Amino acid sequence: MQPGEEIESLLDELEQVVSEAKAPFTGGMQKKIVDSREIYEIIDEIRSMFPQEFSDARRILKEEDEILGRAQQQADSIIADAQQQAMILSGDQEVVRLAQQQAEEIRGQASQYERDTRYNAEEYADTVLQHLEDNLKSLTNSVTRVRETLDENSGPRNQSNNVTW
């Protein structure tokens, strides 16, 4: 699953539960009647807040793959160039040895560049995902407060209002 698809699925499930809710036949304290429009508005707000976060996370992951691909191509090109140079200079063993040494150094530099690039991309992705997680926690807290408000407002004075869905 791509980032965001799971949350979308959960929001769809919540929406389905709300839309299929039945009005209670008794005024029991455990059963609540909610204004579905308010719930739908909250769901719409949740959806409108996160698409950019998910888009940013997907973009970062794509950029990371592209950077790693370019680094690997650059490393392969450098290695191929070094090997070609080594073959051209193969007449002299010392020159060949130096070329191979240089190719190994270049290979090491390319590997280090790839590791550094991967680390930086992962750090950046982790920062964005941490921000997304913090926003999700904040949103969850907001939803919990709204639900508590709904629970408080659905006390005995509202039980006489039979709402049929």
N, C-alpha and C. Protein backbone atom coordinates (compact mmCIF):
# COMPACT_ATOMS: atom_id res chain seq x y z
N MET A 1 0.83 -1.18 0.00
CA MET A 1 0.00 0.00 0.00
C MET A 1 0.87 1.24 0.00
N GLN A 2 0.46 2.22 -0.76
CA GLN A 2 1.15 3.51 -0.78
C GLN A 2 0.78 4.29 0.49
N PRO A 3 1.65 5.24 0.92
CA PRO A 3 1.28 6.06 2.07
C PRO A 3 -0.06 6.74 1.84
N GLY A 4 -0.92 6.69 2.82
CA GLY A 4 -2.20 7.36 2.71
C GLY A 4 -3.34 6.44 2.32
N GLU A 5 -3.06 5.35 1.62
CA GLU A 5 -4.14 4.47 1.17
C GLU A 5 -4.82 3.80 2.36
N GLU A 6 -4.05 3.45 3.38
CA GLU A 6 -4.64 2.80 4.54
C GLU A 6 -5.57 3.75 5.28
N ILE A 7 -5.15 4.99 5.43
CA ILE A 7 -6.00 5.98 6.10
C ILE A 7 -7.25 6.23 5.29
N GLU A 8 -7.11 6.33 3.97
CA GLU A 8 -8.27 6.50 3.11
C GLU A 8 -9.25 5.34 3.30
N SER A 9 -8.72 4.14 3.38
CA SER A 9 -9.56 2.96 3.56
C SER A 9 -10.30 3.03 4.90
N LEU A 10 -9.58 3.44 5.95
CA LEU A 10 -10.21 3.56 7.27
C LEU A 10 -11.27 4.65 7.28
N LEU A 11 -11.01 5.74 6.60
CA LEU A 11 -12.00 6.82 6.53
C LEU A 11 -13.24 6.34 5.77
N ASP A 12 -13.03 5.59 4.71
CA ASP A 12 -14.17 5.03 3.97
C ASP A 12 -14.98 4.09 4.84
N GLU A 13 -14.27 3.30 5.64
CA GLU A 13 -14.96 2.38 6.54
C GLU A 13 -15.76 3.15 7.59
N LEU A 14 -15.17 4.19 8.16
CA LEU A 14 -15.89 5.03 9.13
C LEU A 14 -17.12 5.64 8.49
N GLU A 15 -16.98 6.13 7.28
CA GLU A 15 -18.09 6.73 6.56
C GLU A 15 -19.20 5.70 6.35
N GLN A 16 -18.83 4.46 6.03
CA GLN A 16 -19.82 3.41 5.82
C GLN A 16 -20.55 3.08 7.13
N VAL A 17 -19.80 3.01 8.23
CA VAL A 17 -20.41 2.73 9.52
C VAL A 17 -21.43 3.81 9.88
N VAL A 18 -21.07 5.06 9.66
CA VAL A 18 -21.97 6.17 9.96
C VAL A 18 -23.21 6.11 9.06
N SER A 19 -22.99 5.82 7.79
CA SER A 19 -24.12 5.82 6.86
C SER A 19 -25.07 4.65 7.11
N GLU A 20 -24.59 3.55 7.70
CA GLU A 20 -25.43 2.38 7.95
C GLU A 20 -26.01 2.37 9.37
N ALA A 21 -25.69 3.39 10.17
CA ALA A 21 -26.17 3.42 11.56
C ALA A 21 -27.69 3.50 11.61
N LYS A 22 -28.27 2.82 12.60
CA LYS A 22 -29.71 2.81 12.82
C LYS A 22 -30.04 3.59 14.09
N ALA A 23 -31.21 4.17 14.11
CA ALA A 23 -31.65 4.89 15.30
C ALA A 23 -32.03 3.86 16.37
N PRO A 24 -31.68 4.09 17.62
CA PRO A 24 -32.02 3.12 18.67
C PRO A 24 -33.51 3.13 18.97
N PHE A 25 -34.03 1.97 19.38
CA PHE A 25 -35.44 1.86 19.76
C PHE A 25 -35.65 2.26 21.21
N THR A 26 -34.58 2.18 22.01
CA THR A 26 -34.70 2.56 23.42
C THR A 26 -33.74 3.70 23.70
N GLY A 27 -33.95 4.35 24.80
CA GLY A 27 -33.12 5.49 25.15
C GLY A 27 -31.97 5.11 26.04
N GLY A 28 -31.36 3.92 25.82
CA GLY A 28 -30.25 3.46 26.64
C GLY A 28 -29.07 4.42 26.60
N MET A 29 -28.32 4.48 27.72
CA MET A 29 -27.20 5.42 27.81
C MET A 29 -26.04 5.03 26.89
N GLN A 30 -25.95 3.76 26.52
CA GLN A 30 -24.84 3.32 25.68
C GLN A 30 -25.05 3.65 24.22
N LYS A 31 -26.28 3.92 23.83
CA LYS A 31 -26.58 4.18 22.42
C LYS A 31 -26.68 5.68 22.21
N LYS A 32 -26.08 6.15 21.13
CA LYS A 32 -26.04 7.58 20.83
C LYS A 32 -26.57 7.82 19.43
N ILE A 33 -27.19 8.93 19.26
CA ILE A 33 -27.62 9.38 17.94
C ILE A 33 -26.69 10.52 17.57
N VAL A 34 -26.04 10.42 16.44
CA VAL A 34 -25.10 11.45 16.02
C VAL A 34 -25.61 12.15 14.78
N ASP A 35 -25.20 13.38 14.62
CA ASP A 35 -25.52 14.14 13.42
C ASP A 35 -24.51 13.71 12.34
N SER A 36 -24.97 12.95 11.40
CA SER A 36 -24.05 12.41 10.40
C SER A 36 -23.39 13.50 9.58
N ARG A 37 -24.05 14.64 9.40
CA ARG A 37 -23.43 15.73 8.63
C ARG A 37 -22.15 16.22 9.30
N GLU A 38 -22.18 16.30 10.64
CA GLU A 38 -20.98 16.73 11.35
C GLU A 38 -19.86 15.72 11.17
N ILE A 39 -20.19 14.45 11.27
CA ILE A 39 -19.18 13.40 11.10
C ILE A 39 -18.60 13.47 9.69
N TYR A 40 -19.48 13.64 8.69
CA TYR A 40 -19.01 13.73 7.30
C TYR A 40 -18.12 14.97 7.10
N GLU A 41 -18.46 16.06 7.76
CA GLU A 41 -17.63 17.26 7.65
C GLU A 41 -16.25 17.02 8.25
N ILE A 42 -16.20 16.33 9.38
CA ILE A 42 -14.91 16.00 10.01
C ILE A 42 -14.10 15.10 9.09
N ILE A 43 -14.75 14.12 8.50
CA ILE A 43 -14.06 13.21 7.57
C ILE A 43 -13.52 14.00 6.39
N ASP A 44 -14.33 14.92 5.87
CA ASP A 44 -13.86 15.74 4.74
C ASP A 44 -12.66 16.59 5.13
N GLU A 45 -12.67 17.11 6.36
CA GLU A 45 -11.55 17.91 6.83
C GLU A 45 -10.29 17.05 6.93
N ILE A 46 -10.44 15.84 7.46
CA ILE A 46 -9.29 14.94 7.57
C ILE A 46 -8.72 14.68 6.18
N ARG A 47 -9.57 14.40 5.23
CA ARG A 47 -9.11 14.12 3.87
C ARG A 47 -8.43 15.34 3.25
N SER A 48 -8.96 16.51 3.52
CA SER A 48 -8.39 17.70 2.90
C SER A 48 -7.04 18.09 3.53
N MET A 49 -6.77 17.65 4.76
CA MET A 49 -5.54 18.02 5.43
C MET A 49 -4.35 17.16 5.01
N PHE A 50 -4.57 15.94 4.59
CA PHE A 50 -3.46 15.03 4.41
C PHE A 50 -3.01 14.74 2.99
N PRO A 51 -3.76 15.03 1.94
CA PRO A 51 -3.24 14.68 0.62
C PRO A 51 -1.87 15.27 0.32
N GLN A 52 -1.59 16.49 0.76
CA GLN A 52 -0.28 17.08 0.48
C GLN A 52 0.82 16.32 1.22
N GLU A 53 0.56 15.93 2.47
CA GLU A 53 1.53 15.17 3.23
C GLU A 53 1.85 13.85 2.53
N PHE A 54 0.81 13.15 2.06
CA PHE A 54 1.02 11.88 1.39
C PHE A 54 1.76 12.10 0.07
N SER A 55 1.40 13.14 -0.63
CA SER A 55 2.05 13.45 -1.89
C SER A 55 3.53 13.74 -1.66
N ASP A 56 3.84 14.50 -0.61
CA ASP A 56 5.23 14.80 -0.28
C ASP A 56 6.00 13.53 0.06
N ALA A 57 5.40 12.65 0.84
CA ALA A 57 6.07 11.41 1.22
C ALA A 57 6.34 10.54 0.00
N ARG A 58 5.36 10.43 -0.90
CA ARG A 58 5.55 9.64 -2.13
C ARG A 58 6.65 10.27 -2.99
N ARG A 59 6.64 11.60 -3.11
CA ARG A 59 7.65 12.29 -3.91
C ARG A 59 9.03 12.05 -3.34
N ILE A 60 9.17 12.10 -2.03
CA ILE A 60 10.46 11.90 -1.39
C ILE A 60 10.97 10.49 -1.67
N LEU A 61 10.10 9.50 -1.54
CA LEU A 61 10.50 8.12 -1.82
C LEU A 61 10.91 7.96 -3.28
N LYS A 62 10.18 8.58 -4.18
CA LYS A 62 10.52 8.50 -5.61
C LYS A 62 11.87 9.19 -5.86
N GLU A 63 12.06 10.35 -5.27
CA GLU A 63 13.33 11.06 -5.44
C GLU A 63 14.49 10.25 -4.89
N GLU A 64 14.27 9.58 -3.77
CA GLU A 64 15.32 8.74 -3.19
C GLU A 64 15.71 7.64 -4.18
N ASP A 65 14.73 6.97 -4.78
CA ASP A 65 15.02 5.94 -5.77
C ASP A 65 15.77 6.51 -6.96
N GLU A 66 15.35 7.68 -7.43
CA GLU A 66 16.01 8.31 -8.57
C GLU A 66 17.45 8.68 -8.24
N ILE A 67 17.68 9.23 -7.05
CA ILE A 67 19.03 9.62 -6.63
C ILE A 67 19.92 8.39 -6.55
N LEU A 68 19.39 7.32 -5.95
CA LEU A 68 20.17 6.10 -5.84
C LEU A 68 20.46 5.51 -7.22
N GLY A 69 19.49 5.58 -8.13
CA GLY A 69 19.69 5.10 -9.49
C GLY A 69 20.78 5.89 -10.20
N ARG A 70 20.72 7.22 -10.07
CA ARG A 70 21.75 8.07 -10.69
C ARG A 70 23.12 7.80 -10.08
N ALA A 71 23.17 7.61 -8.77
CA ALA A 71 24.45 7.33 -8.11
C ALA A 71 25.02 6.01 -8.61
N GLN A 72 24.16 5.00 -8.76
CA GLN A 72 24.63 3.71 -9.27
C GLN A 72 25.10 3.83 -10.70
N GLN A 73 24.37 4.59 -11.54
CA GLN A 73 24.79 4.80 -12.92
C GLN A 73 26.14 5.53 -12.97
N GLN A 74 26.26 6.53 -12.14
CA GLN A 74 27.52 7.29 -12.10
C GLN A 74 28.66 6.38 -11.65
N ALA A 75 28.42 5.56 -10.64
CA ALA A 75 29.44 4.64 -10.17
C ALA A 75 29.82 3.65 -11.27
N ASP A 76 28.82 3.09 -11.95
CA ASP A 76 29.09 2.15 -13.05
C ASP A 76 29.89 2.83 -14.16
N SER A 77 29.52 4.06 -14.49
CA SER A 77 30.23 4.79 -15.54
C SER A 77 31.67 5.06 -15.13
N ILE A 78 31.87 5.46 -13.90
CA ILE A 78 33.22 5.74 -13.40
C ILE A 78 34.06 4.46 -13.44
N ILE A 79 33.46 3.36 -12.99
CA ILE A 79 34.17 2.08 -12.99
C ILE A 79 34.51 1.66 -14.42
N ALA A 80 33.55 1.80 -15.34
CA ALA A 80 33.79 1.43 -16.73
C ALA A 80 34.91 2.29 -17.32
N ASP A 81 34.88 3.60 -17.03
CA ASP A 81 35.94 4.48 -17.52
C ASP A 81 37.31 4.07 -16.96
N ALA A 82 37.33 3.77 -15.68
CA ALA A 82 38.59 3.37 -15.04
C ALA A 82 39.08 2.06 -15.63
N GLN A 83 38.18 1.12 -15.86
CA GLN A 83 38.58 -0.16 -16.44
C GLN A 83 39.09 0.04 -17.87
N GLN A 84 38.43 0.90 -18.62
CA GLN A 84 38.87 1.18 -20.00
C GLN A 84 40.27 1.81 -19.98
N GLN A 85 40.45 2.75 -19.09
CA GLN A 85 41.77 3.38 -18.97
C GLN A 85 42.83 2.34 -18.59
N ALA A 86 42.46 1.44 -17.71
CA ALA A 86 43.40 0.40 -17.28
C ALA A 86 43.77 -0.51 -18.45
N MET A 87 42.79 -0.84 -19.29
CA MET A 87 43.07 -1.70 -20.44
C MET A 87 43.98 -1.00 -21.45
N ILE A 88 43.75 0.28 -21.65
CA ILE A 88 44.58 1.05 -22.59
C ILE A 88 46.02 1.08 -22.09
N LEU A 89 46.20 1.20 -20.83
CA LEU A 89 47.53 1.33 -20.25
C LEU A 89 48.12 -0.02 -19.83
N SER A 90 47.50 -1.10 -20.25
CA SER A 90 47.91 -2.42 -19.78
C SER A 90 49.32 -2.84 -20.21
N GLY A 91 49.91 -2.14 -21.14
CA GLY A 91 51.26 -2.48 -21.57
C GLY A 91 52.27 -2.35 -20.44
N ASP A 92 52.06 -1.49 -19.58
CA ASP A 92 53.00 -1.26 -18.48
C ASP A 92 52.33 -1.70 -17.19
N GLN A 93 52.89 -2.71 -16.52
CA GLN A 93 52.25 -3.28 -15.32
C GLN A 93 52.08 -2.25 -14.20
N GLU A 94 53.02 -1.40 -14.04
CA GLU A 94 52.90 -0.39 -12.99
C GLU A 94 51.75 0.56 -13.28
N VAL A 95 51.61 0.94 -14.55
CA VAL A 95 50.51 1.82 -14.94
C VAL A 95 49.18 1.11 -14.72
N VAL A 96 49.15 -0.19 -15.07
CA VAL A 96 47.92 -0.97 -14.87
C VAL A 96 47.59 -1.05 -13.39
N ARG A 97 48.59 -1.31 -12.59
CA ARG A 97 48.36 -1.40 -11.14
C ARG A 97 47.82 -0.08 -10.59
N LEU A 98 48.40 1.03 -11.04
CA LEU A 98 47.92 2.34 -10.59
C LEU A 98 46.49 2.61 -11.06
N ALA A 99 46.19 2.20 -12.27
CA ALA A 99 44.83 2.40 -12.79
C ALA A 99 43.82 1.58 -12.00
N GLN A 100 44.20 0.35 -11.68
CA GLN A 100 43.31 -0.49 -10.87
C GLN A 100 43.13 0.09 -9.48
N GLN A 101 44.21 0.61 -8.94
CA GLN A 101 44.12 1.26 -7.62
C GLN A 101 43.19 2.46 -7.69
N GLN A 102 43.34 3.25 -8.75
CA GLN A 102 42.47 4.41 -8.93
C GLN A 102 41.02 3.97 -9.10
N ALA A 103 40.79 2.89 -9.86
CA ALA A 103 39.43 2.39 -10.06
C ALA A 103 38.82 1.96 -8.73
N GLU A 104 39.62 1.33 -7.88
CA GLU A 104 39.13 0.93 -6.56
C GLU A 104 38.80 2.15 -5.69
N GLU A 105 39.66 3.16 -5.78
CA GLU A 105 39.39 4.39 -5.05
C GLU A 105 38.11 5.04 -5.54
N ILE A 106 37.95 5.07 -6.85
CA ILE A 106 36.74 5.66 -7.43
C ILE A 106 35.52 4.84 -7.03
N ARG A 107 35.65 3.52 -7.06
CA ARG A 107 34.56 2.63 -6.63
C ARG A 107 34.20 2.90 -5.18
N GLY A 108 35.23 3.07 -4.35
CA GLY A 108 34.99 3.38 -2.93
C GLY A 108 34.29 4.72 -2.76
N GLN A 109 34.73 5.72 -3.55
CA GLN A 109 34.09 7.04 -3.48
C GLN A 109 32.63 6.96 -3.94
N ALA A 110 32.40 6.19 -5.01
CA ALA A 110 31.04 6.05 -5.51
C ALA A 110 30.16 5.34 -4.49
N SER A 111 30.72 4.32 -3.85
CA SER A 111 29.96 3.61 -2.80
C SER A 111 29.66 4.53 -1.63
N GLN A 112 30.65 5.34 -1.25
CA GLN A 112 30.42 6.28 -0.15
C GLN A 112 29.36 7.31 -0.54
N TYR A 113 29.43 7.79 -1.77
CA TYR A 113 28.43 8.74 -2.26
C TYR A 113 27.03 8.11 -2.21
N GLU A 114 26.93 6.87 -2.62
CA GLU A 114 25.63 6.19 -2.59
C GLU A 114 25.13 6.04 -1.14
N ARG A 115 26.03 5.64 -0.23
CA ARG A 115 25.63 5.50 1.18
C ARG A 115 25.18 6.84 1.76
N ASP A 116 25.97 7.89 1.48
CA ASP A 116 25.62 9.23 1.98
C ASP A 116 24.28 9.69 1.42
N THR A 117 24.08 9.47 0.12
CA THR A 117 22.83 9.88 -0.52
C THR A 117 21.65 9.12 0.08
N ARG A 118 21.79 7.83 0.25
CA ARG A 118 20.73 7.01 0.85
C ARG A 118 20.41 7.49 2.27
N TYR A 119 21.47 7.72 3.06
CA TYR A 119 21.27 8.17 4.43
C TYR A 119 20.52 9.49 4.45
N ASN A 120 20.95 10.46 3.64
CA ASN A 120 20.29 11.77 3.61
C ASN A 120 18.85 11.66 3.15
N ALA A 121 18.59 10.84 2.15
CA ALA A 121 17.22 10.67 1.66
C ALA A 121 16.35 10.01 2.72
N GLU A 122 16.89 9.01 3.42
CA GLU A 122 16.12 8.34 4.47
C GLU A 122 15.86 9.28 5.64
N GLU A 123 16.85 10.09 5.99
CA GLU A 123 16.65 11.06 7.07
C GLU A 123 15.54 12.05 6.71
N TYR A 124 15.56 12.53 5.49
CA TYR A 124 14.55 13.49 5.04
C TYR A 124 13.17 12.82 5.04
N ALA A 125 13.09 11.61 4.51
CA ALA A 125 11.82 10.88 4.49
C ALA A 125 11.33 10.66 5.92
N ASP A 126 12.23 10.31 6.84
CA ASP A 126 11.84 10.09 8.23
C ASP A 126 11.30 11.37 8.85
N THR A 127 11.90 12.50 8.54
CA THR A 127 11.43 13.79 9.06
C THR A 127 10.01 14.08 8.56
N VAL A 128 9.79 13.87 7.27
CA VAL A 128 8.45 14.12 6.72
C VAL A 128 7.43 13.17 7.32
N LEU A 129 7.81 11.90 7.46
CA LEU A 129 6.88 10.92 8.02
C LEU A 129 6.61 11.21 9.50
N GLN A 130 7.62 11.71 10.24
CA GLN A 130 7.40 12.09 11.63
C GLN A 130 6.40 13.24 11.71
N HIS A 131 6.55 14.20 10.80
CA HIS A 131 5.60 15.32 10.75
C HIS A 131 4.20 14.80 10.44
N LEU A 132 4.09 13.89 9.53
CA LEU A 132 2.80 13.30 9.19
C LEU A 132 2.22 12.57 10.39
N GLU A 133 3.05 11.81 11.10
CA GLU A 133 2.59 11.08 12.27
C GLU A 133 2.09 12.05 13.34
N ASP A 134 2.81 13.15 13.55
CA ASP A 134 2.39 14.16 14.54
C ASP A 134 1.03 14.76 14.15
N ASN A 135 0.86 15.04 12.85
CA ASN A 135 -0.42 15.58 12.39
C ASN A 135 -1.54 14.58 12.59
N LEU A 136 -1.26 13.30 12.33
CA LEU A 136 -2.28 12.27 12.54
C LEU A 136 -2.67 12.17 14.01
N LYS A 137 -1.67 12.26 14.91
CA LYS A 137 -1.97 12.21 16.34
C LYS A 137 -2.86 13.40 16.73
N SER A 138 -2.52 14.58 16.21
CA SER A 138 -3.30 15.77 16.50
C SER A 138 -4.73 15.61 16.00
N LEU A 139 -4.86 15.08 14.82
CA LEU A 139 -6.19 14.87 14.25
C LEU A 139 -6.98 13.85 15.06
N THR A 140 -6.31 12.77 15.48
CA THR A 140 -6.97 11.76 16.30
C THR A 140 -7.47 12.38 17.59
N ASN A 141 -6.65 13.23 18.19
CA ASN A 141 -7.07 13.91 19.42
C ASN A 141 -8.29 14.81 19.15
N SER A 142 -8.30 15.50 18.02
CA SER A 142 -9.43 16.35 17.67
C SER A 142 -10.69 15.53 17.49
N VAL A 143 -10.59 14.40 16.81
CA VAL A 143 -11.75 13.53 16.60
C VAL A 143 -12.25 13.01 17.94
N THR A 144 -11.33 12.64 18.83
CA THR A 144 -11.72 12.16 20.16
C THR A 144 -12.47 13.25 20.92
N ARG A 145 -11.99 14.49 20.86
CA ARG A 145 -12.67 15.60 21.56
C ARG A 145 -14.06 15.82 20.97
N VAL A 146 -14.20 15.75 19.65
CA VAL A 146 -15.52 15.92 19.03
C VAL A 146 -16.45 14.81 19.47
N ARG A 147 -15.94 13.59 19.51
CA ARG A 147 -16.78 12.46 19.95
C ARG A 147 -17.19 12.64 21.41
N GLU A 148 -16.28 13.11 22.25
CA GLU A 148 -16.62 13.35 23.64
C GLU A 148 -17.69 14.43 23.75
N THR A 149 -17.56 15.47 22.95
CA THR A 149 -18.57 16.53 22.93
C THR A 149 -19.91 15.97 22.50
N LEU A 150 -19.91 15.14 21.49
CA LEU A 150 -21.15 14.51 21.04
C LEU A 150 -21.76 13.66 22.15
N ASP A 151 -20.90 12.90 22.85
CA ASP A 151 -21.38 12.06 23.96
C ASP A 151 -21.99 12.93 25.06
N GLU A 152 -21.33 14.05 25.38
CA GLU A 152 -21.85 14.93 26.44
C GLU A 152 -23.16 15.58 26.02
N ASN A 153 -23.29 15.92 24.76
CA ASN A 153 -24.48 16.61 24.26
C ASN A 153 -25.64 15.66 23.99
N SER A 154 -25.44 14.38 24.07
CA SER A 154 -26.53 13.45 23.77
C SER A 154 -27.12 12.88 25.05
N GLY A 155 -27.08 13.65 26.12
CA GLY A 155 -27.63 13.23 27.41
C GLY A 155 -29.15 13.13 27.37
N PRO A 156 -29.79 13.04 28.54
CA PRO A 156 -31.24 12.82 28.64
C PRO A 156 -32.08 13.86 27.91
N ARG A 157 -31.67 15.12 27.86
CA ARG A 157 -32.50 16.13 27.22
C ARG A 157 -32.64 15.90 25.72
N ASN A 158 -31.70 15.23 25.10
CA ASN A 158 -31.75 14.98 23.66
C ASN A 158 -32.38 13.63 23.33
N GLN A 159 -32.65 12.82 24.30
CA GLN A 159 -33.16 11.47 24.02
C GLN A 159 -34.60 11.51 23.55
N SER A 160 -35.31 12.58 23.84
CA SER A 160 -36.71 12.65 23.41
C SER A 160 -36.82 12.97 21.92
N ASN A 161 -35.77 13.44 21.32
CA ASN A 161 -35.75 13.74 19.89
C ASN A 161 -35.45 12.47 19.13
N ASN A 162 -36.46 11.77 18.70
CA ASN A 162 -36.22 10.53 17.95
C ASN A 162 -35.91 10.91 16.52
N VAL A 163 -34.71 10.60 16.12
CA VAL A 163 -34.27 10.87 14.76
C VAL A 163 -34.26 9.56 14.01
N THR A 164 -34.87 9.53 12.84
CA THR A 164 -34.90 8.31 12.05
C THR A 164 -34.00 8.50 10.84
N TRP A 165 -33.25 7.49 10.55
CA TRP A 165 -32.31 7.54 9.42
C TRP A 165 -32.83 6.73 8.31
